[in-house]
Amino acid sequence: MMNALASRVLGPICIMLVMSFQAVAAEEPAALIERLGGQAIGIVANGADTTDDKQKKFEALFDEGFDVPLVAQIVLGRYWRTATAEQRDEFVNLFHKYIISTYASRLNAYSGQTFAVTGEQRLNDDEVMVKSVVKDPGGPDLKVDWRVLNRNGENRIVDVYVEGVSMAVTHRSEFASVIAQTGQVETLLERLRSQTGQG
C-alpha cells in the first residue's frame, strides 16, 4: 500500500526534482532541494513538452541528480557481495532502466502538487536528510525526506523516504524476494531484463 501511494504522489515530485538537477555542489542540501523543487514544478507542469521530450529530460537529469551506482549497490544489499563484477555492472544498468521505465510513465501525472522544504538533519560529515512536504490537492499532505550525500564535492540523492519508509529498502525487499526463489542473482537479472525489454 505504501509503495502504491509513493508511486502516485512521490513519482511526479521525484521527477520534478531530478529533471532540474544541475552542477550545484557548492549549494547547501536544503537550499538545493528547495530550489530544484521549485524549478522542476514548472518543467513538469509545462504542457508544451511531449511525453518523449519529458522522458529524455528525466533520464538525462536523473543520472545527474542521483548517485545511481551507489543506490543500485544499496538496493542489491547483501547480494552485492556475492555477485560477480559482470553481474554488478549489469544490475546497475538494468536498475537504471527499471527506474526510468517505472517513473517516466508518470511524467504527465502532475496535478497541482506543491513542494516545500521544512528542515534538515545532519546525519554525519557527508550526509544530510532534507525534510520536505508534498501538498496534494487530491489527498493528504505527504512527508518526503531526501538523503543527500556529498561525495567528491558533489551533492547527490541516495535515498528517498516517504512517510518514514525508505524507497531503497522497499526496492531491496522486492528484489531480495525474487532472488530468494533460487538463491541466485541471475534470477533477478532475468526478471529485470524482461521488465525493461532487454531480453
Protein backbone atom coordinates (compact mmCIF):
# COMPACT_ATOMS: atom_id res chain seq x y z
CA MET A 1 0.00 0.00 0.00
CA MET A 2 2.80 2.41 0.86
CA ASN A 3 4.56 1.57 -2.39
CA ALA A 4 1.38 2.35 -4.35
CA LEU A 5 0.94 5.66 -2.50
CA ALA A 6 4.57 6.54 -3.10
CA SER A 7 4.24 5.78 -6.81
CA ARG A 8 1.15 8.00 -7.12
CA VAL A 9 2.41 11.03 -5.23
CA LEU A 10 6.18 10.70 -4.97
CA GLY A 11 6.68 9.77 -8.60
CA PRO A 12 5.88 13.20 -10.04
CA ILE A 13 7.71 15.01 -7.22
CA CYS A 14 10.81 12.83 -7.59
CA ILE A 15 10.73 13.52 -11.30
CA MET A 16 10.28 17.23 -10.68
CA LEU A 17 13.44 17.33 -8.61
CA VAL A 18 15.71 15.30 -10.83
CA MET A 19 14.61 17.00 -14.02
CA SER A 20 16.30 20.24 -12.97
CA PHE A 21 19.34 18.87 -11.19
CA GLN A 22 22.48 20.71 -12.29
CA ALA A 23 26.10 21.03 -11.12
CA VAL A 24 25.41 22.81 -7.84
CA ALA A 25 27.81 21.10 -5.47
CA ALA A 26 28.54 24.33 -3.59
CA GLU A 27 24.89 24.77 -2.62
CA GLU A 28 23.71 23.57 0.78
CA PRO A 29 21.49 20.44 0.60
CA ALA A 30 18.29 22.09 1.88
CA ALA A 31 18.67 25.07 -0.44
CA LEU A 32 19.50 22.70 -3.26
CA ILE A 33 16.38 20.57 -2.85
CA GLU A 34 14.12 23.60 -2.34
CA ARG A 35 15.42 25.39 -5.43
CA LEU A 36 15.25 22.29 -7.60
CA GLY A 37 11.73 21.53 -6.45
CA GLY A 38 10.52 24.97 -7.45
CA GLN A 39 12.23 24.87 -10.84
CA ALA A 40 11.07 21.35 -11.61
CA ILE A 41 7.41 22.02 -10.86
CA GLY A 42 7.42 24.50 -13.72
CA ILE A 43 9.02 21.96 -16.05
CA VAL A 44 6.66 19.08 -15.27
CA ALA A 45 3.61 21.35 -15.37
CA ASN A 46 4.62 22.62 -18.82
CA GLY A 47 2.16 21.15 -21.28
CA ALA A 48 4.23 22.21 -24.27
CA ASP A 49 6.70 19.32 -23.99
CA THR A 50 5.74 15.95 -25.41
CA THR A 51 5.96 12.84 -23.27
CA ASP A 52 9.06 11.75 -25.21
CA ASP A 53 10.72 15.10 -24.57
CA LYS A 54 9.97 14.86 -20.86
CA GLN A 55 11.29 11.31 -20.70
CA LYS A 56 14.57 12.30 -22.33
CA LYS A 57 15.00 15.16 -19.87
CA PHE A 58 14.11 12.87 -16.99
CA GLU A 59 16.64 10.22 -17.94
CA ALA A 60 19.47 12.68 -18.54
CA LEU A 61 18.91 14.60 -15.32
CA PHE A 62 18.13 11.55 -13.22
CA ASP A 63 21.70 10.47 -13.95
CA GLU A 64 22.95 13.82 -12.67
CA GLY A 65 20.70 14.03 -9.62
CA PHE A 66 21.08 10.57 -8.15
CA ASP A 67 24.18 8.54 -7.39
CA VAL A 68 22.81 5.63 -9.42
CA PRO A 69 25.69 3.14 -8.90
CA LEU A 70 25.59 3.67 -5.13
CA VAL A 71 21.80 3.43 -4.98
CA ALA A 72 21.96 0.21 -7.01
CA GLN A 73 24.50 -1.21 -4.55
CA ILE A 74 22.29 -0.29 -1.60
CA VAL A 75 19.27 -1.84 -3.27
CA LEU A 76 21.02 -5.11 -4.08
CA GLY A 77 22.05 -5.32 -0.43
CA ARG A 78 23.98 -8.38 0.74
CA TYR A 79 23.78 -9.91 -2.72
CA TRP A 80 26.13 -7.20 -4.00
CA ARG A 81 28.98 -9.01 -2.23
CA THR A 82 28.21 -12.36 -3.85
CA ALA A 83 27.52 -11.02 -7.35
CA THR A 84 30.30 -11.18 -9.93
CA ALA A 85 31.75 -7.99 -11.38
CA GLU A 86 29.81 -8.66 -14.59
CA GLN A 87 26.57 -9.15 -12.66
CA ARG A 88 27.12 -5.94 -10.69
CA ASP A 89 27.66 -3.94 -13.87
CA GLU A 90 24.59 -5.43 -15.49
CA PHE A 91 22.48 -4.84 -12.39
CA VAL A 92 23.42 -1.15 -12.26
CA ASN A 93 22.46 -0.83 -15.92
CA LEU A 94 19.18 -2.76 -15.54
CA PHE A 95 18.26 -0.97 -12.31
CA HIS A 96 18.75 2.34 -14.09
CA LYS A 97 16.46 1.24 -16.93
CA TYR A 98 13.93 -0.14 -14.44
CA ILE A 99 13.68 3.16 -12.55
CA ILE A 100 13.43 5.14 -15.79
CA SER A 101 10.67 2.95 -17.18
CA THR A 102 8.81 2.93 -13.84
CA TYR A 103 8.77 6.67 -13.21
CA ALA A 104 8.90 8.04 -16.75
CA SER A 105 5.44 6.59 -17.32
CA ARG A 106 4.16 9.06 -14.69
CA LEU A 107 5.64 12.19 -16.21
CA ASN A 108 2.18 13.52 -17.02
CA ALA A 109 0.73 12.68 -13.59
CA TYR A 110 1.34 16.16 -12.16
CA SER A 111 -1.96 17.54 -10.89
CA GLY A 112 -1.21 20.63 -8.85
CA GLN A 113 1.03 19.22 -6.12
CA THR A 114 3.25 21.72 -4.33
CA PHE A 115 6.57 21.03 -2.68
CA ALA A 116 8.31 22.73 0.24
CA VAL A 117 11.40 22.01 2.30
CA THR A 118 10.64 22.05 6.01
CA GLY A 119 14.07 21.45 7.55
CA GLU A 120 17.14 19.28 7.56
CA GLN A 121 19.04 16.90 9.82
CA ARG A 122 22.76 16.28 9.51
CA LEU A 123 23.46 12.56 9.68
CA ASN A 124 27.25 12.74 9.55
CA ASP A 125 30.01 14.82 7.96
CA ASP A 126 28.93 13.82 4.45
CA GLU A 127 25.19 13.20 4.66
CA VAL A 128 22.16 15.37 5.29
CA MET A 129 18.50 14.38 5.44
CA VAL A 130 16.47 17.13 3.83
CA LYS A 131 12.88 17.12 5.08
CA SER A 132 10.01 18.21 2.89
CA VAL A 133 6.28 18.05 2.48
CA VAL A 134 4.24 17.40 -0.64
CA LYS A 135 0.82 19.04 -0.61
CA ASP A 136 -1.59 17.19 -2.87
CA PRO A 137 -4.89 18.88 -3.77
CA GLY A 138 -6.46 15.46 -4.08
CA GLY A 139 -5.24 13.95 -0.84
CA PRO A 140 -3.42 14.39 2.48
CA ASP A 141 -0.02 16.01 2.86
CA LEU A 142 2.87 13.61 2.43
CA LYS A 143 6.18 13.84 4.29
CA VAL A 144 9.11 13.15 1.98
CA ASP A 145 12.74 13.16 3.14
CA TRP A 146 15.74 13.21 0.81
CA ARG A 147 19.03 11.65 1.88
CA VAL A 148 21.73 13.74 0.24
CA LEU A 149 25.33 12.55 0.15
CA ASN A 150 28.31 14.77 -0.58
CA ARG A 151 30.91 12.69 -2.37
CA ASN A 152 33.89 14.12 -4.22
CA GLY A 153 32.48 17.61 -3.76
CA GLU A 154 29.11 16.80 -5.31
CA ASN A 155 25.75 16.57 -3.55
CA ARG A 156 23.60 13.72 -4.82
CA ILE A 157 20.45 12.00 -3.64
CA VAL A 158 20.97 8.41 -2.49
CA ASP A 159 17.58 7.61 -0.96
CA VAL A 160 14.06 8.96 -0.59
CA TYR A 161 11.82 8.34 2.43
CA VAL A 162 8.05 8.56 2.10
CA GLU A 163 6.33 8.87 5.48
CA GLY A 164 9.46 7.32 7.01
CA VAL A 165 9.65 4.40 4.57
CA SER A 166 12.88 4.14 2.57
CA MET A 167 12.34 3.59 -1.13
CA ALA A 168 15.78 1.94 -1.36
CA VAL A 169 14.82 -0.53 1.36
CA THR A 170 11.45 -1.12 -0.32
CA HIS A 171 13.12 -1.98 -3.63
CA ARG A 172 15.71 -4.09 -1.80
CA SER A 173 12.97 -6.14 -0.18
CA GLU A 174 11.20 -6.64 -3.50
CA PHE A 175 14.38 -7.69 -5.28
CA ALA A 176 15.51 -9.95 -2.44
CA SER A 177 12.22 -11.86 -2.67
CA VAL A 178 12.93 -12.52 -6.34
CA ILE A 179 16.48 -13.72 -5.66
CA ALA A 180 15.21 -15.92 -2.81
CA GLN A 181 13.29 -18.05 -5.31
CA THR A 182 16.56 -19.66 -6.43
CA GLY A 183 19.24 -18.02 -4.31
CA GLN A 184 20.87 -16.69 -7.47
CA VAL A 185 21.36 -13.06 -8.53
CA GLU A 186 20.84 -14.23 -12.09
CA THR A 187 17.15 -14.79 -11.29
CA LEU A 188 16.72 -11.08 -10.57
CA LEU A 189 18.71 -10.11 -13.64
CA GLU A 190 16.46 -12.25 -15.80
CA ARG A 191 13.38 -10.61 -14.30
CA LEU A 192 14.75 -7.11 -14.87
CA ARG A 193 15.79 -7.93 -18.44
CA SER A 194 12.23 -8.97 -19.13
CA GLN A 195 10.68 -5.92 -17.45
CA THR A 196 12.96 -3.48 -19.27
CA GLY A 197 12.80 -5.16 -22.66
CA GLN A 198 16.44 -6.24 -22.61
CA GLY A 199 15.89 -9.91 -23.28
